[in-house]
Amino acid sequence: MYKVKIGKSILDVKKGDITKETADAIVNLNNKRLDYDSGISKTILAAAGDSIREECIRSGKQPHGDVVVTGAGNLRYHRIIHLIDAVNTVKIVAGVKEVLKACDQHNLRSVTFPAIGTGKAAIGAKNSLECILTGIEEYALGTATSCISQIHIIAYKENIYQEYEKYNLYLKLYGKDVTLIKGDITKQDVECVINLTNCSLNRNFGVSAAILSAAGSSVKDECKTLAPITTDKMVLTSGGNLKCKKILHLIGPTSSEDMVPALERILEECVNHSIKTVALPAIGTGMAFMNPSDSITRIIEGLIQHFEKNTHTSLTKICIIAFTNKVYQAYSQAFKTISFQIQESEPYSGDNFDAYLRNPPTWTDMDTDEYKTIELSNKSIEYRDIEKKFYESAKPYTCKLIKIERVQNVKLWQSYRIRKLFADRLSPYQENEKLLFHGTNIETAQKIIKYGFNRTYCGKNATLYGCGTYFALNAWYSCTDTYSVPDKDGHKHIIVADVITGKWRKGESRYKDAPPTGEDPETRCDSVVDDVDNPTMFVIFCDDGAYPKYSITIKR
């Protein structure tokens, strides 16, 4: 069994017989005549007894998507909530919300769900759980007060439970995906694989030997050329025959105290090479003989340290690969515990919410000022990070960077953080934020710094994808005179912004507001784009959906 926290409710998932569980309410998957005689419904109604069948008959034909509350008969529950025709993903999400609404209306504090959709509807276990969680999260987000404290999901079949359990071995840390996988690191579809080796780069046993063997002779030859290495050095080779493009070789840490610094160095090296996805082995569980539980805890700690220090890291996905059953079992147990602890500390209310809205640690003291701009030293790490991102994406445009100013606007920051919290709660399993560029003239740049982005400025340059605020993935687009108009000194002004891109769809000039996602007419996109599969232009229609983080001044 494992558990997570959603809103104020504790949710657990376990394998078992739903008719033997105890809660205030049980969810029964039924048809509109309330006489479905197959699968889990047949089992529940048989256990409840004839009195409940008769009550269902008296309730009559029901419309799609509704719920009906009846007694529970011989079951250990107080009520049965019959969910009508939840046969696709959209209906499951909507149905789960209706069930929870019924629980609040009838003051039912705990509810048990079956594995919705995994029977005759033939919905995959992963999609099933995803839909149930989405429904719970959307209901929690839209409900200020709820009496529901316990939510249970029961998987009767072993294969369904195993799929559900795999889905839980996943964390969202600072918007980045962290996944635990049992398997072979050489078969992972990532950009970079980490190889913990010896000074000669030729370790002939364990995971390191497997990596070199699978990578092939070309990588072995590269290693011969690059060897030897010291404990403070790493080398990058091609991926050879592996799916990855690169292999990062280093001498692994030999104690738990060395784990976090070592992992930070590994991640920094990945960022230096603009790597987005990486596979880590079970660091420390081999030659270092580290306890697996301690190992995974240190790995997560190292990830958190990296993400806290590098808010604009290139990394988006980290896969932690456990090869043996022993390590995987220990990792998975620790992973679930860590996941629950992280979710418990999420910023929903009280002190945690205040901390969520707190000014970033990089800001200087605001005193009583509502906003200010701070010119960054060109020797600071913060300056160099933004400078690097700007120049890399400004090519082939050539220019001189005059200055970078950090924008510190308390009101805009708090409005943006609240908007991002909602986006993260609605879409918790995806990256919802991007750092983008917005070219403009000096007058508008000053207004943005003081008052934030404003859709009324749109139309000055383009409305091809809708009447919103436009942001570019690449700086060169914002550098053109069409967008960043030179001032009297020949200086051009570009805003670097955190933007909630979330869920998107292809933009159209007729859009004056965010269009529906397409999955649910009631749910709107966070942004629209020029190309759904490979977007380089993002348009938002909500003014507080972007925060002007830096103001860059350049000259041609």
Foldseek 3Di string as FASTA:
>chain_A
DFWADAQQAIEDEDADQQQQDAFQEEEAEAAQLRPDCDDNNVVQDVQQDDVVVVVSNVVGGHDALAWDWDARHNGNYGIYIYGHDCLDLLSLLSNLLNVQVVCQVVVGAEYEYEQPNVPPSVDALLSSVVSNLLSSLVNSVPDPDGNHHYYYYYYHDPVSSVVVLQNLQWAQALLAIEGEAADQQQADQFQEEEAADAQQQDDCDDNSVVQDVQLDDVVVVVSNVVGGDDQVDKDKDQSRNGNHGIYIYHHADQDLVCLLVVLLVVQVVCQVVLGAEYEYEQGCVPNSVDDLLSSLVSNVVSVNVNCLVCVAGSYRYYYYYYHDPVSSVSNSVSSSVVRNVVSVLDQDDDPSVVVLLDFRPVDDDCPPPQKDKAWDDCPDPVNVVVVVQQVVQQPPDDWAWDTKIFIDGSVLSNLQSVVVVVLCSSPVPHRFKDWWKFWAEPVVVVCCSHPFDDLVPPPQQDLAFHSFGKTFRGNNVNPDCSGQPADPVQKTKMFTKIAGQRQEEAGHSPHHAFACSVSDRVHGGQWYANDNVDGGMTGGNDRSRMHRGMMIIIHD
